Structures are given as C-alpha cells and as structure tokens.
Amino acid sequence: MKDGYFATEQQAEVFYNELTWLCVNQYGSFNSPVWFNVGLYDVYGIAGSKHNYRWTPGACGGACQNSYEYPQSSACFIQSVKDSMEDIMRLAPARRCCSSMGPGREPTYQH
C-alpha cells in the first residue's frame, strides 16, 4: 500500500494471497535475487552495504548508502550494444552498475 501499487487494502490482500498460493503450490516462484534481497530493509529494517547502485532512467545513478533500500531484484539484464568499439566500451560501466548486487553479469552480444 505504501508505494501506491494498489488502490485499496482489499486489492493488496488479494494480490498477496494469490502470490502466496502460486509459490506454495509451486506454480511459480521468484528468482534468487528476490528471495535474498527484497524486503530486508522495508520489512525487517536490515541495512545492506554501500556498494549497490540505484537504477535511474537514462543514467547509472549513484551508489546507494543502503543496498537493501533499493535492492537488486533481477537475475539478468538485457542491454543493447551497437557494432562499434565505442559502444562496446560504453557497455562496461553499465554492466558494473547493473551487476553490483548479484544478477547475471555475462552479456549476450547479438547483431
């Protein structure tokens, strides 16, 4: 409710119950970064290290002071790269920003 994803408590509860059912009955599951990183700060107040980067549209963003406040919840990222040395070199710092809290780090280059 606090982030505004649901209009009512009832909608949030229905979503929670449906997700719980999917996980308990093994019809679906979150990837490992969600299990290990998400909710530790919001639910339990656990602070993480200062090395995570917060994603900001159009930029890498800055280093977070608490990596569990803005946790890494994706296991993989798809990043485009043009067929030029300049663009390939541009990809290196972008990979560092995306990969500091455990998701896949190996790029897949396609042309």
PDB file of N, CA and C in Angstrom:
ATOM      1  N   MET A   1       0.819  -1.190   0.000  1.00  0.00           N
ATOM      2  CA  MET A   1       0.000   0.000   0.000  1.00  0.00           C
ATOM      3  C   MET A   1       0.866   1.258   0.000  1.00  0.00           C
ATOM      4  N   LYS A   2       1.976   1.232   0.698  1.00  0.00           N
ATOM      5  CA  LYS A   2       2.745   2.460   0.873  1.00  0.00           C
ATOM      6  C   LYS A   2       3.328   2.999  -0.424  1.00  0.00           C
ATOM      7  N   ASP A   3       3.568   2.145  -1.408  1.00  0.00           N
ATOM      8  CA  ASP A   3       4.134   2.609  -2.674  1.00  0.00           C
ATOM      9  C   ASP A   3       3.068   2.930  -3.724  1.00  0.00           C
ATOM     10  N   GLY A   4       1.808   2.757  -3.400  1.00  0.00           N
ATOM     11  CA  GLY A   4       0.737   3.135  -4.296  1.00  0.00           C
ATOM     12  C   GLY A   4       0.411   2.148  -5.400  1.00  0.00           C
ATOM     13  N   TYR A   5       0.809   0.886  -5.245  1.00  0.00           N
ATOM     14  CA  TYR A   5       0.506  -0.102  -6.276  1.00  0.00           C
ATOM     15  C   TYR A   5      -0.958  -0.523  -6.278  1.00  0.00           C
ATOM     16  N   PHE A   6      -1.607  -0.411  -5.145  1.00  0.00           N
ATOM     17  CA  PHE A   6      -2.996  -0.843  -5.028  1.00  0.00           C
ATOM     18  C   PHE A   6      -3.849   0.306  -4.505  1.00  0.00           C
ATOM     19  N   ALA A   7      -5.077   0.359  -4.983  1.00  0.00           N
ATOM     20  CA  ALA A   7      -5.983   1.432  -4.566  1.00  0.00           C
ATOM     21  C   ALA A   7      -6.594   1.157  -3.200  1.00  0.00           C
ATOM     22  N   THR A   8      -6.741  -0.123  -2.867  1.00  0.00           N
ATOM     23  CA  THR A   8      -7.385  -0.468  -1.589  1.00  0.00           C
ATOM     24  C   THR A   8      -6.603  -1.565  -0.883  1.00  0.00           C
ATOM     25  N   GLU A   9      -6.839  -1.681   0.412  1.00  0.00           N
ATOM     26  CA  GLU A   9      -6.247  -2.779   1.202  1.00  0.00           C
ATOM     27  C   GLU A   9      -6.716  -4.128   0.673  1.00  0.00           C
ATOM     28  N   GLN A  10      -7.969  -4.199   0.257  1.00  0.00           N
ATOM     29  CA  GLN A  10      -8.521  -5.458  -0.242  1.00  0.00           C
ATOM     30  C   GLN A  10      -7.773  -5.911  -1.504  1.00  0.00           C
ATOM     31  N   GLN A  11      -7.476  -4.986  -2.417  1.00  0.00           N
ATOM     32  CA  GLN A  11      -6.719  -5.346  -3.620  1.00  0.00           C
ATOM     33  C   GLN A  11      -5.323  -5.857  -3.256  1.00  0.00           C
ATOM     34  N   ALA A  12      -4.682  -5.215  -2.307  1.00  0.00           N
ATOM     35  CA  ALA A  12      -3.354  -5.650  -1.869  1.00  0.00           C
ATOM     36  C   ALA A  12      -3.426  -7.038  -1.243  1.00  0.00           C
ATOM     37  N   GLU A  13      -4.441  -7.296  -0.448  1.00  0.00           N
ATOM     38  CA  GLU A  13      -4.581  -8.603   0.198  1.00  0.00           C
ATOM     39  C   GLU A  13      -4.855  -9.709  -0.819  1.00  0.00           C
ATOM     40  N   VAL A  14      -5.675  -9.424  -1.819  1.00  0.00           N
ATOM     41  CA  VAL A  14      -5.945 -10.407  -2.868  1.00  0.00           C
ATOM     42  C   VAL A  14      -4.651 -10.736  -3.618  1.00  0.00           C
ATOM     43  N   PHE A  15      -3.876  -9.715  -3.959  1.00  0.00           N
ATOM     44  CA  PHE A  15      -2.604  -9.927  -4.646  1.00  0.00           C
ATOM     45  C   PHE A  15      -1.664 -10.775  -3.795  1.00  0.00           C
ATOM     46  N   TYR A  16      -1.543 -10.439  -2.521  1.00  0.00           N
ATOM     47  CA  TYR A  16      -0.698 -11.198  -1.597  1.00  0.00           C
ATOM     48  C   TYR A  16      -1.146 -12.662  -1.532  1.00  0.00           C
ATOM     49  N   ASN A  17      -2.438 -12.893  -1.390  1.00  0.00           N
ATOM     50  CA  ASN A  17      -2.963 -14.263  -1.302  1.00  0.00           C
ATOM     51  C   ASN A  17      -2.722 -15.046  -2.588  1.00  0.00           C
ATOM     52  N   GLU A  18      -2.883 -14.400  -3.734  1.00  0.00           N
ATOM     53  CA  GLU A  18      -2.658 -15.092  -5.000  1.00  0.00           C
ATOM     54  C   GLU A  18      -1.179 -15.427  -5.205  1.00  0.00           C
ATOM     55  N   LEU A  19      -0.284 -14.500  -4.856  1.00  0.00           N
ATOM     56  CA  LEU A  19       1.143 -14.796  -4.945  1.00  0.00           C
ATOM     57  C   LEU A  19       1.542 -15.923  -4.003  1.00  0.00           C
ATOM     58  N   THR A  20       1.004 -15.884  -2.803  1.00  0.00           N
ATOM     59  CA  THR A  20       1.286 -16.942  -1.833  1.00  0.00           C
ATOM     60  C   THR A  20       0.835 -18.289  -2.378  1.00  0.00           C
ATOM     61  N   TRP A  21      -0.353 -18.357  -2.936  1.00  0.00           N
ATOM     62  CA  TRP A  21      -0.873 -19.608  -3.490  1.00  0.00           C
ATOM     63  C   TRP A  21       0.038 -20.114  -4.607  1.00  0.00           C
ATOM     64  N   LEU A  22       0.460 -19.214  -5.510  1.00  0.00           N
ATOM     65  CA  LEU A  22       1.334 -19.632  -6.607  1.00  0.00           C
ATOM     66  C   LEU A  22       2.647 -20.234  -6.101  1.00  0.00           C
ATOM     67  N   CYS A  23       3.234 -19.607  -5.079  1.00  0.00           N
ATOM     68  CA  CYS A  23       4.510 -20.097  -4.542  1.00  0.00           C
ATOM     69  C   CYS A  23       4.339 -21.395  -3.754  1.00  0.00           C
ATOM     70  N   VAL A  24       3.353 -21.430  -2.866  1.00  0.00           N
ATOM     71  CA  VAL A  24       3.143 -22.606  -2.009  1.00  0.00           C
ATOM     72  C   VAL A  24       2.793 -23.837  -2.839  1.00  0.00           C
ATOM     73  N   ASN A  25       2.010 -23.654  -3.888  1.00  0.00           N
ATOM     74  CA  ASN A  25       1.602 -24.769  -4.733  1.00  0.00           C
ATOM     75  C   ASN A  25       2.569 -25.016  -5.894  1.00  0.00           C
ATOM     76  N   GLN A  26       3.688 -24.317  -5.902  1.00  0.00           N
ATOM     77  CA  GLN A  26       4.769 -24.491  -6.867  1.00  0.00           C
ATOM     78  C   GLN A  26       4.329 -24.306  -8.323  1.00  0.00           C
ATOM     79  N   TYR A  27       3.468 -23.317  -8.536  1.00  0.00           N
ATOM     80  CA  TYR A  27       3.113 -22.936  -9.898  1.00  0.00           C
ATOM     81  C   TYR A  27       4.012 -21.822 -10.410  1.00  0.00           C
ATOM     82  N   GLY A  28       4.716 -21.183  -9.522  1.00  0.00           N
ATOM     83  CA  GLY A  28       5.630 -20.114  -9.892  1.00  0.00           C
ATOM     84  C   GLY A  28       6.486 -19.750  -8.693  1.00  0.00           C
ATOM     85  N   SER A  29       7.579 -19.095  -8.982  1.00  0.00           N
ATOM     86  CA  SER A  29       8.483 -18.691  -7.910  1.00  0.00           C
ATOM     87  C   SER A  29       9.311 -17.509  -8.379  1.00  0.00           C
ATOM     88  N   PHE A  30       9.780 -16.740  -7.436  1.00  0.00           N
ATOM     89  CA  PHE A  30      10.657 -15.623  -7.761  1.00  0.00           C
ATOM     90  C   PHE A  30      12.069 -16.130  -7.988  1.00  0.00           C
ATOM     91  N   ASN A  31      12.874 -15.338  -8.701  1.00  0.00           N
ATOM     92  CA  ASN A  31      14.270 -15.714  -8.882  1.00  0.00           C
ATOM     93  C   ASN A  31      15.049 -15.414  -7.604  1.00  0.00           C
ATOM     94  N   SER A  32      16.259 -15.928  -7.514  1.00  0.00           N
ATOM     95  CA  SER A  32      17.020 -15.849  -6.262  1.00  0.00           C
ATOM     96  C   SER A  32      17.285 -14.434  -5.760  1.00  0.00           C
ATOM     97  N   PRO A  33      17.560 -13.413  -6.612  1.00  0.00           N
ATOM     98  CA  PRO A  33      17.759 -12.082  -6.035  1.00  0.00           C
ATOM     99  C   PRO A  33      16.545 -11.558  -5.268  1.00  0.00           C
ATOM    100  N   VAL A  34      15.350 -11.946  -5.680  1.00  0.00           N
ATOM    101  CA  VAL A  34      14.163 -11.515  -4.936  1.00  0.00           C
ATOM    102  C   VAL A  34      14.140 -12.174  -3.563  1.00  0.00           C
ATOM    103  N   TRP A  35      14.389 -13.474  -3.511  1.00  0.00           N
ATOM    104  CA  TRP A  35      14.378 -14.178  -2.223  1.00  0.00           C
ATOM    105  C   TRP A  35      15.451 -13.640  -1.285  1.00  0.00           C
ATOM    106  N   PHE A  36      16.621 -13.298  -1.819  1.00  0.00           N
ATOM    107  CA  PHE A  36      17.746 -12.908  -0.976  1.00  0.00           C
ATOM    108  C   PHE A  36      17.818 -11.425  -0.667  1.00  0.00           C
ATOM    109  N   ASN A  37      17.259 -10.555  -1.504  1.00  0.00           N
ATOM    110  CA  ASN A  37      17.480  -9.117  -1.362  1.00  0.00           C
ATOM    111  C   ASN A  37      16.243  -8.280  -1.045  1.00  0.00           C
ATOM    112  N   VAL A  38      15.085  -8.657  -1.542  1.00  0.00           N
ATOM    113  CA  VAL A  38      13.907  -7.797  -1.451  1.00  0.00           C
ATOM    114  C   VAL A  38      13.204  -7.964  -0.107  1.00  0.00           C
ATOM    115  N   GLY A  39      12.875  -6.845   0.513  1.00  0.00           N
ATOM    116  CA  GLY A  39      12.109  -6.838   1.756  1.00  0.00           C
ATOM    117  C   GLY A  39      12.935  -6.777   3.015  1.00  0.00           C
ATOM    118  N   LEU A  40      14.221  -6.978   2.929  1.00  0.00           N
ATOM    119  CA  LEU A  40      15.037  -6.988   4.142  1.00  0.00           C
ATOM    120  C   LEU A  40      15.021  -5.637   4.854  1.00  0.00           C
ATOM    121  N   TYR A  41      15.053  -4.554   4.083  1.00  0.00           N
ATOM    122  CA  TYR A  41      15.034  -3.222   4.691  1.00  0.00           C
ATOM    123  C   TYR A  41      13.606  -2.803   5.069  1.00  0.00           C
ATOM    124  N   ASP A  42      12.677  -2.926   4.108  1.00  0.00           N
ATOM    125  CA  ASP A  42      11.295  -2.488   4.358  1.00  0.00           C
ATOM    126  C   ASP A  42      10.612  -3.259   5.478  1.00  0.00           C
ATOM    127  N   VAL A  43      10.806  -4.561   5.510  1.00  0.00           N
ATOM    128  CA  VAL A  43      10.094  -5.401   6.469  1.00  0.00           C
ATOM    129  C   VAL A  43      10.850  -5.552   7.786  1.00  0.00           C
ATOM    130  N   TYR A  44      12.169  -5.751   7.701  1.00  0.00           N
ATOM    131  CA  TYR A  44      12.939  -6.074   8.902  1.00  0.00           C
ATOM    132  C   TYR A  44      13.896  -4.973   9.354  1.00  0.00           C
ATOM    133  N   GLY A  45      14.056  -3.922   8.543  1.00  0.00           N
ATOM    134  CA  GLY A  45      14.966  -2.837   8.900  1.00  0.00           C
ATOM    135  C   GLY A  45      16.431  -3.181   8.763  1.00  0.00           C
ATOM    136  N   ILE A  46      16.751  -4.231   8.004  1.00  0.00           N
ATOM    137  CA  ILE A  46      18.143  -4.647   7.818  1.00  0.00           C
ATOM    138  C   ILE A  46      18.788  -3.758   6.761  1.00  0.00           C
ATOM    139  N   ALA A  47      19.904  -3.146   7.100  1.00  0.00           N
ATOM    140  CA  ALA A  47      20.631  -2.302   6.162  1.00  0.00           C
ATOM    141  C   ALA A  47      21.706  -3.122   5.462  1.00  0.00           C
ATOM    142  N   GLY A  48      21.904  -2.835   4.185  1.00  0.00           N
ATOM    143  CA  GLY A  48      22.940  -3.515   3.418  1.00  0.00           C
ATOM    144  C   GLY A  48      24.170  -2.650   3.274  1.00  0.00           C
ATOM    145  N   SER A  49      25.105  -3.131   2.494  1.00  0.00           N
ATOM    146  CA  SER A  49      26.360  -2.407   2.276  1.00  0.00           C
ATOM    147  C   SER A  49      26.129  -1.191   1.382  1.00  0.00           C
ATOM    148  N   LYS A  50      27.166  -0.423   1.175  1.00  0.00           N
ATOM    149  CA  LYS A  50      27.064   0.816   0.414  1.00  0.00           C
ATOM    150  C   LYS A  50      27.510   0.657  -1.039  1.00  0.00           C
ATOM    151  N   HIS A  51      27.619  -0.555  -1.544  1.00  0.00           N
ATOM    152  CA  HIS A  51      28.156  -0.722  -2.889  1.00  0.00           C
ATOM    153  C   HIS A  51      27.121  -0.921  -3.984  1.00  0.00           C
ATOM    154  N   ASN A  52      25.852  -0.965  -3.679  1.00  0.00           N
ATOM    155  CA  ASN A  52      24.831  -1.155  -4.703  1.00  0.00           C
ATOM    156  C   ASN A  52      24.573   0.149  -5.451  1.00  0.00           C
ATOM    157  N   TYR A  53      24.165   0.052  -6.701  1.00  0.00           N
ATOM    158  CA  TYR A  53      23.806   1.213  -7.499  1.00  0.00           C
ATOM    159  C   TYR A  53      22.312   1.223  -7.729  1.00  0.00           C
ATOM    160  N   ARG A  54      21.718   2.387  -7.595  1.00  0.00           N
ATOM    161  CA  ARG A  54      20.283   2.535  -7.838  1.00  0.00           C
ATOM    162  C   ARG A  54      20.086   2.890  -9.299  1.00  0.00           C
ATOM    163  N   TRP A  55      19.187   2.185  -9.969  1.00  0.00           N
ATOM    164  CA  TRP A  55      18.912   2.452 -11.365  1.00  0.00           C
ATOM    165  C   TRP A  55      18.074   3.712 -11.484  1.00  0.00           C
ATOM    166  N   THR A  56      18.485   4.570 -12.401  1.00  0.00           N
ATOM    167  CA  THR A  56      17.766   5.795 -12.698  1.00  0.00           C
ATOM    168  C   THR A  56      17.578   5.829 -14.207  1.00  0.00           C
ATOM    169  N   PRO A  57      16.362   6.068 -14.701  1.00  0.00           N
ATOM    170  CA  PRO A  57      16.158   6.073 -16.157  1.00  0.00           C
ATOM    171  C   PRO A  57      17.145   7.008 -16.862  1.00  0.00           C
ATOM    172  N   GLY A  58      17.841   6.481 -17.878  1.00  0.00           N
ATOM    173  CA  GLY A  58      18.766   7.267 -18.668  1.00  0.00           C
ATOM    174  C   GLY A  58      20.139   7.461 -18.063  1.00  0.00           C
ATOM    175  N   ALA A  59      20.366   6.927 -16.863  1.00  0.00           N
ATOM    176  CA  ALA A  59      21.672   7.092 -16.218  1.00  0.00           C
ATOM    177  C   ALA A  59      21.924   5.924 -15.291  1.00  0.00           C
ATOM    178  N   CYS A  60      23.171   5.760 -14.914  1.00  0.00           N
ATOM    179  CA  CYS A  60      23.534   4.691 -13.989  1.00  0.00           C
ATOM    180  C   CYS A  60      23.035   5.007 -12.584  1.00  0.00           C
ATOM    181  N   GLY A  61      22.927   6.270 -12.258  1.00  0.00           N
ATOM    182  CA  GLY A  61      22.543   6.638 -10.901  1.00  0.00           C
ATOM    183  C   GLY A  61      23.766   6.676 -10.014  1.00  0.00           C
ATOM    184  N   GLY A  62      23.552   6.818  -8.765  1.00  0.00           N
ATOM    185  CA  GLY A  62      24.663   6.890  -7.834  1.00  0.00           C
ATOM    186  C   GLY A  62      24.654   5.716  -6.890  1.00  0.00           C
ATOM    187  N   ALA A  63      25.731   5.575  -6.178  1.00  0.00           N
ATOM    188  CA  ALA A  63      25.824   4.491  -5.211  1.00  0.00           C
ATOM    189  C   ALA A  63      24.832   4.736  -4.076  1.00  0.00           C
ATOM    190  N   CYS A  64      24.116   3.706  -3.692  1.00  0.00           N
ATOM    191  CA  CYS A  64      23.179   3.787  -2.575  1.00  0.00           C
ATOM    192  C   CYS A  64      23.941   3.675  -1.263  1.00  0.00           C
ATOM    193  N   GLN A  65      23.441   4.314  -0.254  1.00  0.00           N
ATOM    194  CA  GLN A  65      24.030   4.186   1.071  1.00  0.00           C
ATOM    195  C   GLN A  65      23.578   2.892   1.752  1.00  0.00           C
ATOM    196  N   ASN A  66      22.483   2.313   1.268  1.00  0.00           N
ATOM    197  CA  ASN A  66      21.926   1.095   1.850  1.00  0.00           C
ATOM    198  C   ASN A  66      21.418   0.224   0.703  1.00  0.00           C
ATOM    199  N   SER A  67      22.145  -0.826   0.375  1.00  0.00           N
ATOM    200  CA  SER A  67      21.793  -1.637  -0.792  1.00  0.00           C
ATOM    201  C   SER A  67      20.459  -2.367  -0.648  1.00  0.00           C
ATOM    202  N   TYR A  68      19.952  -2.542   0.559  1.00  0.00           N
ATOM    203  CA  TYR A  68      18.655  -3.203   0.716  1.00  0.00           C
ATOM    204  C   TYR A  68      17.497  -2.223   0.667  1.00  0.00           C
ATOM    205  N   GLU A  69      17.780  -0.920   0.679  1.00  0.00           N
ATOM    206  CA  GLU A  69      16.709   0.055   0.495  1.00  0.00           C
ATOM    207  C   GLU A  69      16.246   0.064  -0.958  1.00  0.00           C
ATOM    208  N   TYR A  70      17.186  -0.123  -1.885  1.00  0.00           N
ATOM    209  CA  TYR A  70      16.894  -0.236  -3.319  1.00  0.00           C
ATOM    210  C   TYR A  70      17.505  -1.549  -3.798  1.00  0.00           C
ATOM    211  N   PRO A  71      16.893  -2.680  -3.471  1.00  0.00           N
ATOM    212  CA  PRO A  71      17.528  -3.980  -3.721  1.00  0.00           C
ATOM    213  C   PRO A  71      17.549  -4.378  -5.191  1.00  0.00           C
ATOM    214  N   GLN A  72      18.483  -5.233  -5.516  1.00  0.00           N
ATOM    215  CA  GLN A  72      18.590  -5.815  -6.839  1.00  0.00           C
ATOM    216  C   GLN A  72      17.614  -6.983  -6.894  1.00  0.00           C
ATOM    217  N   SER A  73      16.613  -6.907  -7.780  1.00  0.00           N
ATOM    218  CA  SER A  73      15.614  -7.970  -7.819  1.00  0.00           C
ATOM    219  C   SER A  73      15.558  -8.674  -9.168  1.00  0.00           C
ATOM    220  N   SER A  74      16.494  -8.414 -10.029  1.00  0.00           N
ATOM    221  CA  SER A  74      16.542  -9.074 -11.332  1.00  0.00           C
ATOM    222  C   SER A  74      17.753  -9.981 -11.412  1.00  0.00           C
ATOM    223  N   ALA A  75      17.569 -11.124 -12.035  1.00  0.00           N
ATOM    224  CA  ALA A  75      18.673 -12.063 -12.181  1.00  0.00           C
ATOM    225  C   ALA A  75      19.488 -11.768 -13.436  1.00  0.00           C
ATOM    226  N   CYS A  76      18.874 -11.162 -14.433  1.00  0.00           N
ATOM    227  CA  CYS A  76      19.558 -10.904 -15.694  1.00  0.00           C
ATOM    228  C   CYS A  76      19.111  -9.562 -16.254  1.00  0.00           C
ATOM    229  N   PHE A  77      19.971  -8.988 -17.059  1.00  0.00           N
ATOM    230  CA  PHE A  77      19.648  -7.742 -17.742  1.00  0.00           C
ATOM    231  C   PHE A  77      19.966  -7.904 -19.218  1.00  0.00           C
ATOM    232  N   ILE A  78      19.161  -7.288 -20.056  1.00  0.00           N
ATOM    233  CA  ILE A  78      19.431  -7.264 -21.490  1.00  0.00           C
ATOM    234  C   ILE A  78      19.809  -5.836 -21.834  1.00  0.00           C
ATOM    235  N   GLN A  79      20.998  -5.672 -22.381  1.00  0.00           N
ATOM    236  CA  GLN A  79      21.479  -4.351 -22.755  1.00  0.00           C
ATOM    237  C   GLN A  79      21.843  -4.366 -24.229  1.00  0.00           C
ATOM    238  N   SER A  80      21.419  -3.346 -24.943  1.00  0.00           N
ATOM    239  CA  SER A  80      21.735  -3.294 -26.370  1.00  0.00           C
ATOM    240  C   SER A  80      23.127  -2.722 -26.569  1.00  0.00           C
ATOM    241  N   VAL A  81      23.738  -3.132 -27.648  1.00  0.00           N
ATOM    242  CA  VAL A  81      25.064  -2.620 -28.000  1.00  0.00           C
ATOM    243  C   VAL A  81      25.141  -2.530 -29.526  1.00  0.00           C
ATOM    244  N   LYS A  82      25.647  -1.398 -29.998  1.00  0.00           N
ATOM    245  CA  LYS A  82      25.840  -1.214 -31.432  1.00  0.00           C
ATOM    246  C   LYS A  82      27.157  -1.861 -31.845  1.00  0.00           C
ATOM    247  N   ASP A  83      27.317  -2.077 -33.139  1.00  0.00           N
ATOM    248  CA  ASP A  83      28.516  -2.724 -33.661  1.00  0.00           C
ATOM    249  C   ASP A  83      29.640  -1.705 -33.838  1.00  0.00           C
ATOM    250  N   SER A  84      30.092  -1.159 -32.709  1.00  0.00           N
ATOM    251  CA  SER A  84      31.221  -0.226 -32.738  1.00  0.00           C
ATOM    252  C   SER A  84      32.014  -0.391 -31.446  1.00  0.00           C
ATOM    253  N   MET A  85      33.306  -0.131 -31.521  1.00  0.00           N
ATOM    254  CA  MET A  85      34.151  -0.251 -30.337  1.00  0.00           C
ATOM    255  C   MET A  85      33.722   0.747 -29.262  1.00  0.00           C
ATOM    256  N   GLU A  86      33.293   1.932 -29.658  1.00  0.00           N
ATOM    257  CA  GLU A  86      32.858   2.937 -28.696  1.00  0.00           C
ATOM    258  C   GLU A  86      31.654   2.436 -27.890  1.00  0.00           C
ATOM    259  N   ASP A  87      30.706   1.829 -28.564  1.00  0.00           N
ATOM    260  CA  ASP A  87      29.513   1.357 -27.869  1.00  0.00           C
ATOM    261  C   ASP A  87      29.813   0.134 -27.003  1.00  0.00           C
ATOM    262  N   ILE A  88      30.712  -0.722 -27.472  1.00  0.00           N
ATOM    263  CA  ILE A  88      31.115  -1.865 -26.647  1.00  0.00           C
ATOM    264  C   ILE A  88      31.782  -1.380 -25.366  1.00  0.00           C
ATOM    265  N   MET A  89      32.624  -0.358 -25.455  1.00  0.00           N
ATOM    266  CA  MET A  89      33.280   0.188 -24.270  1.00  0.00           C
ATOM    267  C   MET A  89      32.277   0.914 -23.362  1.00  0.00           C
ATOM    268  N   ARG A  90      31.227   1.473 -23.936  1.00  0.00           N
ATOM    269  CA  ARG A  90      30.176   2.118 -23.148  1.00  0.00           C
ATOM    270  C   ARG A  90      29.449   1.095 -22.281  1.00  0.00           C
ATOM    271  N   LEU A  91      29.383  -0.117 -22.759  1.00  0.00           N
ATOM    272  CA  LEU A  91      28.652  -1.154 -22.047  1.00  0.00           C
ATOM    273  C   LEU A  91      29.318  -1.547 -20.725  1.00  0.00           C
ATOM    274  N   ALA A  92      30.633  -1.433 -20.629  1.00  0.00           N
ATOM    275  CA  ALA A  92      31.346  -1.878 -19.424  1.00  0.00           C
ATOM    276  C   ALA A  92      30.867  -1.183 -18.151  1.00  0.00           C
ATOM    277  N   PRO A  93      30.807   0.153 -18.077  1.00  0.00           N
ATOM    278  CA  PRO A  93      30.317   0.764 -16.835  1.00  0.00           C
ATOM    279  C   PRO A  93      28.833   0.479 -16.587  1.00  0.00           C
ATOM    280  N   ALA A  94      28.051   0.321 -17.640  1.00  0.00           N
ATOM    281  CA  ALA A  94      26.638  -0.002 -17.454  1.00  0.00           C
ATOM    282  C   ALA A  94      26.483  -1.380 -16.822  1.00  0.00           C
ATOM    283  N   ARG A  95      27.330  -2.324 -17.220  1.00  0.00           N
ATOM    284  CA  ARG A  95      27.298  -3.664 -16.619  1.00  0.00           C
ATOM    285  C   ARG A  95      27.657  -3.592 -15.143  1.00  0.00           C
ATOM    286  N   ARG A  96      28.631  -2.763 -14.799  1.00  0.00           N
ATOM    287  CA  ARG A  96      29.029  -2.623 -13.390  1.00  0.00           C
ATOM    288  C   ARG A  96      27.854  -2.107 -12.563  1.00  0.00           C
ATOM    289  N   CYS A  97      27.141  -1.137 -13.078  1.00  0.00           N
ATOM    290  CA  CYS A  97      26.011  -0.567 -12.329  1.00  0.00           C
ATOM    291  C   CYS A  97      24.904  -1.590 -12.122  1.00  0.00           C
ATOM    292  N   CYS A  98      24.630  -2.382 -13.131  1.00  0.00           N
ATOM    293  CA  CYS A  98      23.540  -3.354 -13.029  1.00  0.00           C
ATOM    294  C   CYS A  98      23.910  -4.570 -12.206  1.00  0.00           C
ATOM    295  N   SER A  99      25.187  -4.886 -12.111  1.00  0.00           N
ATOM    296  CA  SER A  99      25.587  -6.180 -11.575  1.00  0.00           C
ATOM    297  C   SER A  99      26.190  -6.141 -10.181  1.00  0.00           C
ATOM    298  N   SER A 100      26.045  -5.062  -9.467  1.00  0.00           N
ATOM    299  CA  SER A 100      26.762  -4.970  -8.202  1.00  0.00           C
ATOM    300  C   SER A 100      26.127  -5.774  -7.072  1.00  0.00           C
ATOM    301  N   MET A 101      24.884  -6.225  -7.216  1.00  0.00           N
ATOM    302  CA  MET A 101      24.246  -6.986  -6.136  1.00  0.00           C
ATOM    303  C   MET A 101      23.764  -8.364  -6.575  1.00  0.00           C
ATOM    304  N   GLY A 102      24.487  -9.022  -7.480  1.00  0.00           N
ATOM    305  CA  GLY A 102      24.255 -10.429  -7.707  1.00  0.00           C
ATOM    306  C   GLY A 102      23.580 -10.904  -8.969  1.00  0.00           C
ATOM    307  N   PRO A 103      23.067 -10.072  -9.867  1.00  0.00           N
ATOM    308  CA  PRO A 103      22.445 -10.651 -11.052  1.00  0.00           C
ATOM    309  C   PRO A 103      23.484 -11.156 -12.031  1.00  0.00           C
ATOM    310  N   GLY A 104      23.024 -11.787 -13.096  1.00  0.00           N
ATOM    311  CA  GLY A 104      23.936 -12.287 -14.107  1.00  0.00           C
ATOM    312  C   GLY A 104      24.803 -11.185 -14.690  1.00  0.00           C
ATOM    313  N   ARG A 105      26.051 -11.513 -14.948  1.00  0.00           N
ATOM    314  CA  ARG A 105      26.996 -10.498 -15.410  1.00  0.00           C
ATOM    315  C   ARG A 105      27.459 -10.719 -16.837  1.00  0.00           C
ATOM    316  N   GLU A 106      27.225 -11.857 -17.391  1.00  0.00           N
ATOM    317  CA  GLU A 106      27.760 -12.149 -18.712  1.00  0.00           C
ATOM    318  C   GLU A 106      26.826 -11.616 -19.791  1.00  0.00           C
ATOM    319  N   PRO A 107      27.350 -10.797 -20.689  1.00  0.00           N
ATOM    320  CA  PRO A 107      26.498 -10.239 -21.739  1.00  0.00           C
ATOM    321  C   PRO A 107      26.266 -11.239 -22.852  1.00  0.00           C
ATOM    322  N   THR A 108      25.198 -11.053 -23.570  1.00  0.00           N
ATOM    323  CA  THR A 108      24.924 -11.788 -24.797  1.00  0.00           C
ATOM    324  C   THR A 108      24.939 -10.769 -25.916  1.00  0.00           C
ATOM    325  N   TYR A 109      25.884 -10.893 -26.805  1.00  0.00           N
ATOM    326  CA  TYR A 109      26.020  -9.944 -27.904  1.00  0.00           C
ATOM    327  C   TYR A 109      25.318 -10.504 -29.127  1.00  0.00           C
ATOM    328  N   GLN A 110      24.416  -9.720 -29.675  1.00  0.00           N
ATOM    329  CA  GLN A 110      23.701 -10.134 -30.873  1.00  0.00           C
ATOM    330  C   GLN A 110      23.806  -9.000 -31.893  1.00  0.00           C
ATOM    331  N   HIS A 111      23.809  -9.361 -33.144  1.00  0.00           N
ATOM    332  CA  HIS A 111      23.831  -8.333 -34.191  1.00  0.00           C
ATOM    333  C   HIS A 111      22.872  -8.692 -35.286  1.00  0.00           C
TER     334      HIS A 111
END
